[in-house]
Amino acid sequence: MFRYSNRLPLLAGAVLALSLFAAPVAAQGNGKRYAVSNDKAVSVTREVLVRRGFEVVRVETHGDTRTIFYRAGNQGRGRGKGKLERMVIRREADRVIFVETPSAILVDIDLKLKL
């Protein structure tokens, strides 16, 4: 019994490390799905981003996929603009799927699309 007791902290550390690495992978699901058109999804997303103080830099279209590039504005603090971020809106059958969208922004998009 005491022969393996010195390996217990190593085993516990390995389990902890695996659980920390597995959490982000598990969180990356297929995204949130809505029964709206691509144009409606892009316009609502643009409206939500501007209302939250972000600047929409560009919207790229590749087939049924729209990629929205945005950044945080300086919001009057004189600290420059934020880093360029992106979110993907993908069309699948009769649904629009939001991928790589921050959860705080997705909540507002969800409220707008369900109204």
C-alpha atoms as a PDB file:
ATOM      1  CA  MET A   1       0.000   0.000   0.000  1.00  0.00           C
ATOM      2  CA  PHE A   2       2.771   2.454   0.828  1.00  0.00           C
ATOM      3  CA  ARG A   3       4.681   1.482  -2.264  1.00  0.00           C
ATOM      4  CA  TYR A   4       2.450   3.657  -4.520  1.00  0.00           C
ATOM      5  CA  SER A   5       1.740   6.492  -2.080  1.00  0.00           C
ATOM      6  CA  ASN A   6       4.527   8.677  -3.482  1.00  0.00           C
ATOM      7  CA  ARG A   7       2.820   8.569  -6.916  1.00  0.00           C
ATOM      8  CA  LEU A   8      -0.525   9.819  -5.632  1.00  0.00           C
ATOM      9  CA  PRO A   9       0.302  13.572  -5.965  1.00  0.00           C
ATOM     10  CA  LEU A  10       1.595  12.936  -9.489  1.00  0.00           C
ATOM     11  CA  LEU A  11      -1.596  11.112 -10.445  1.00  0.00           C
ATOM     12  CA  ALA A  12      -3.771  13.848  -8.916  1.00  0.00           C
ATOM     13  CA  GLY A  13      -1.826  16.511 -10.829  1.00  0.00           C
ATOM     14  CA  ALA A  14      -2.248  14.597 -14.083  1.00  0.00           C
ATOM     15  CA  VAL A  15      -6.006  14.256 -13.571  1.00  0.00           C
ATOM     16  CA  LEU A  16      -6.277  17.973 -12.761  1.00  0.00           C
ATOM     17  CA  ALA A  17      -4.278  18.939 -15.855  1.00  0.00           C
ATOM     18  CA  LEU A  18      -6.405  16.730 -18.109  1.00  0.00           C
ATOM     19  CA  SER A  19      -9.607  18.186 -16.717  1.00  0.00           C
ATOM     20  CA  LEU A  20      -8.362  21.741 -17.301  1.00  0.00           C
ATOM     21  CA  PHE A  21      -7.432  20.980 -20.904  1.00  0.00           C
ATOM     22  CA  ALA A  22     -10.649  19.104 -21.606  1.00  0.00           C
ATOM     23  CA  ALA A  23     -12.966  21.897 -20.393  1.00  0.00           C
ATOM     24  CA  PRO A  24     -12.351  24.324 -23.306  1.00  0.00           C
ATOM     25  CA  VAL A  25     -12.645  21.504 -25.824  1.00  0.00           C
ATOM     26  CA  ALA A  26     -15.981  20.447 -24.352  1.00  0.00           C
ATOM     27  CA  ALA A  27     -17.216  24.054 -24.457  1.00  0.00           C
ATOM     28  CA  GLN A  28     -16.630  24.305 -28.208  1.00  0.00           C
ATOM     29  CA  GLY A  29     -19.903  22.859 -29.363  1.00  0.00           C
ATOM     30  CA  ASN A  30     -21.673  23.345 -32.644  1.00  0.00           C
ATOM     31  CA  GLY A  31     -22.868  26.810 -31.683  1.00  0.00           C
ATOM     32  CA  LYS A  32     -26.299  28.342 -31.184  1.00  0.00           C
ATOM     33  CA  ARG A  33     -28.914  27.657 -33.908  1.00  0.00           C
ATOM     34  CA  TYR A  34     -31.671  29.985 -35.144  1.00  0.00           C
ATOM     35  CA  ALA A  35     -34.285  29.732 -37.904  1.00  0.00           C
ATOM     36  CA  VAL A  36     -33.551  33.089 -39.553  1.00  0.00           C
ATOM     37  CA  SER A  37     -31.863  34.220 -42.756  1.00  0.00           C
ATOM     38  CA  ASN A  38     -28.163  35.046 -42.996  1.00  0.00           C
ATOM     39  CA  ASP A  39     -28.926  38.706 -43.662  1.00  0.00           C
ATOM     40  CA  LYS A  40     -31.119  38.978 -40.566  1.00  0.00           C
ATOM     41  CA  ALA A  41     -28.441  37.294 -38.436  1.00  0.00           C
ATOM     42  CA  VAL A  42     -25.731  39.651 -39.711  1.00  0.00           C
ATOM     43  CA  SER A  43     -27.835  42.782 -39.221  1.00  0.00           C
ATOM     44  CA  VAL A  44     -28.826  41.796 -35.671  1.00  0.00           C
ATOM     45  CA  THR A  45     -25.219  40.935 -34.842  1.00  0.00           C
ATOM     46  CA  ARG A  46     -24.007  44.261 -36.221  1.00  0.00           C
ATOM     47  CA  GLU A  47     -26.658  46.122 -34.198  1.00  0.00           C
ATOM     48  CA  VAL A  48     -25.737  44.304 -30.970  1.00  0.00           C
ATOM     49  CA  LEU A  49     -22.002  44.864 -31.466  1.00  0.00           C
ATOM     50  CA  VAL A  50     -22.430  48.599 -32.137  1.00  0.00           C
ATOM     51  CA  ARG A  51     -24.745  48.989 -29.141  1.00  0.00           C
ATOM     52  CA  ARG A  52     -22.136  47.289 -26.908  1.00  0.00           C
ATOM     53  CA  GLY A  53     -19.409  49.701 -28.074  1.00  0.00           C
ATOM     54  CA  PHE A  54     -17.682  47.544 -30.671  1.00  0.00           C
ATOM     55  CA  GLU A  55     -16.723  48.638 -34.166  1.00  0.00           C
ATOM     56  CA  VAL A  56     -17.597  46.260 -37.020  1.00  0.00           C
ATOM     57  CA  VAL A  57     -14.553  46.301 -39.298  1.00  0.00           C
ATOM     58  CA  ARG A  58     -15.751  44.055 -42.124  1.00  0.00           C
ATOM     59  CA  VAL A  59     -18.065  41.190 -43.021  1.00  0.00           C
ATOM     60  CA  GLU A  60     -16.663  38.507 -45.325  1.00  0.00           C
ATOM     61  CA  THR A  61     -18.868  36.105 -47.266  1.00  0.00           C
ATOM     62  CA  HIS A  62     -17.701  32.651 -48.303  1.00  0.00           C
ATOM     63  CA  GLY A  63     -20.660  30.722 -49.714  1.00  0.00           C
ATOM     64  CA  ASP A  64     -23.167  30.322 -46.878  1.00  0.00           C
ATOM     65  CA  THR A  65     -20.673  31.402 -44.213  1.00  0.00           C
ATOM     66  CA  ARG A  66     -20.376  34.978 -42.956  1.00  0.00           C
ATOM     67  CA  THR A  67     -17.348  36.025 -40.920  1.00  0.00           C
ATOM     68  CA  ILE A  68     -17.728  39.249 -38.935  1.00  0.00           C
ATOM     69  CA  PHE A  69     -14.536  41.010 -37.864  1.00  0.00           C
ATOM     70  CA  TYR A  70     -14.942  43.501 -35.034  1.00  0.00           C
ATOM     71  CA  ARG A  71     -12.919  45.324 -32.397  1.00  0.00           C
ATOM     72  CA  ALA A  72     -13.576  47.271 -29.243  1.00  0.00           C
ATOM     73  CA  GLY A  73     -13.692  51.030 -29.651  1.00  0.00           C
ATOM     74  CA  ASN A  74     -11.835  53.321 -27.265  1.00  0.00           C
ATOM     75  CA  GLN A  75     -15.148  54.444 -25.704  1.00  0.00           C
ATOM     76  CA  GLY A  76     -13.824  57.918 -24.974  1.00  0.00           C
ATOM     77  CA  ARG A  77     -10.918  56.769 -22.828  1.00  0.00           C
ATOM     78  CA  GLY A  78      -8.223  57.544 -25.401  1.00  0.00           C
ATOM     79  CA  ARG A  79      -6.583  54.119 -25.148  1.00  0.00           C
ATOM     80  CA  GLY A  80      -6.850  53.157 -28.801  1.00  0.00           C
ATOM     81  CA  LYS A  81      -8.889  50.382 -30.259  1.00  0.00           C
ATOM     82  CA  GLY A  82      -8.988  46.776 -29.180  1.00  0.00           C
ATOM     83  CA  LYS A  83      -7.594  43.753 -30.972  1.00  0.00           C
ATOM     84  CA  LEU A  84      -9.365  42.408 -34.032  1.00  0.00           C
ATOM     85  CA  GLU A  85     -11.740  39.575 -33.168  1.00  0.00           C
ATOM     86  CA  ARG A  86     -14.080  37.486 -35.277  1.00  0.00           C
ATOM     87  CA  MET A  87     -17.270  35.507 -35.124  1.00  0.00           C
ATOM     88  CA  VAL A  88     -18.633  33.093 -37.698  1.00  0.00           C
ATOM     89  CA  ILE A  89     -22.248  32.784 -38.810  1.00  0.00           C
ATOM     90  CA  ARG A  90     -22.797  29.589 -40.766  1.00  0.00           C
ATOM     91  CA  ARG A  91     -25.841  28.396 -42.698  1.00  0.00           C
ATOM     92  CA  GLU A  92     -26.855  24.756 -42.298  1.00  0.00           C
ATOM     93  CA  ALA A  93     -30.075  23.502 -43.930  1.00  0.00           C
ATOM     94  CA  ASP A  94     -32.785  25.885 -42.644  1.00  0.00           C
ATOM     95  CA  ARG A  95     -30.833  27.145 -39.602  1.00  0.00           C
ATOM     96  CA  VAL A  96     -28.185  29.777 -38.915  1.00  0.00           C
ATOM     97  CA  ILE A  97     -25.421  28.751 -36.518  1.00  0.00           C
ATOM     98  CA  PHE A  98     -23.288  31.186 -34.511  1.00  0.00           C
ATOM     99  CA  VAL A  99     -19.763  29.821 -34.003  1.00  0.00           C
ATOM    100  CA  GLU A 100     -16.882  31.394 -32.045  1.00  0.00           C
ATOM    101  CA  THR A 101     -19.197  33.983 -30.530  1.00  0.00           C
ATOM    102  CA  PRO A 102     -18.554  35.263 -26.981  1.00  0.00           C
ATOM    103  CA  SER A 103     -21.329  34.236 -24.625  1.00  0.00           C
ATOM    104  CA  ALA A 104     -22.008  37.795 -23.420  1.00  0.00           C
ATOM    105  CA  ILE A 105     -22.670  38.951 -26.975  1.00  0.00           C
ATOM    106  CA  LEU A 106     -24.600  35.792 -27.837  1.00  0.00           C
ATOM    107  CA  VAL A 107     -27.095  36.504 -25.042  1.00  0.00           C
ATOM    108  CA  ASP A 108     -28.004  39.856 -26.605  1.00  0.00           C
ATOM    109  CA  ILE A 109     -28.173  38.327 -30.093  1.00  0.00           C
ATOM    110  CA  ASP A 110     -30.426  35.599 -28.701  1.00  0.00           C
ATOM    111  CA  LEU A 111     -32.820  38.155 -27.231  1.00  0.00           C
ATOM    112  CA  LYS A 112     -32.989  40.147 -30.473  1.00  0.00           C
ATOM    113  CA  LEU A 113     -33.532  37.112 -32.713  1.00  0.00           C
ATOM    114  CA  LYS A 114     -36.286  35.639 -30.563  1.00  0.00           C
ATOM    115  CA  LEU A 115     -38.355  38.844 -30.521  1.00  0.00           C
END
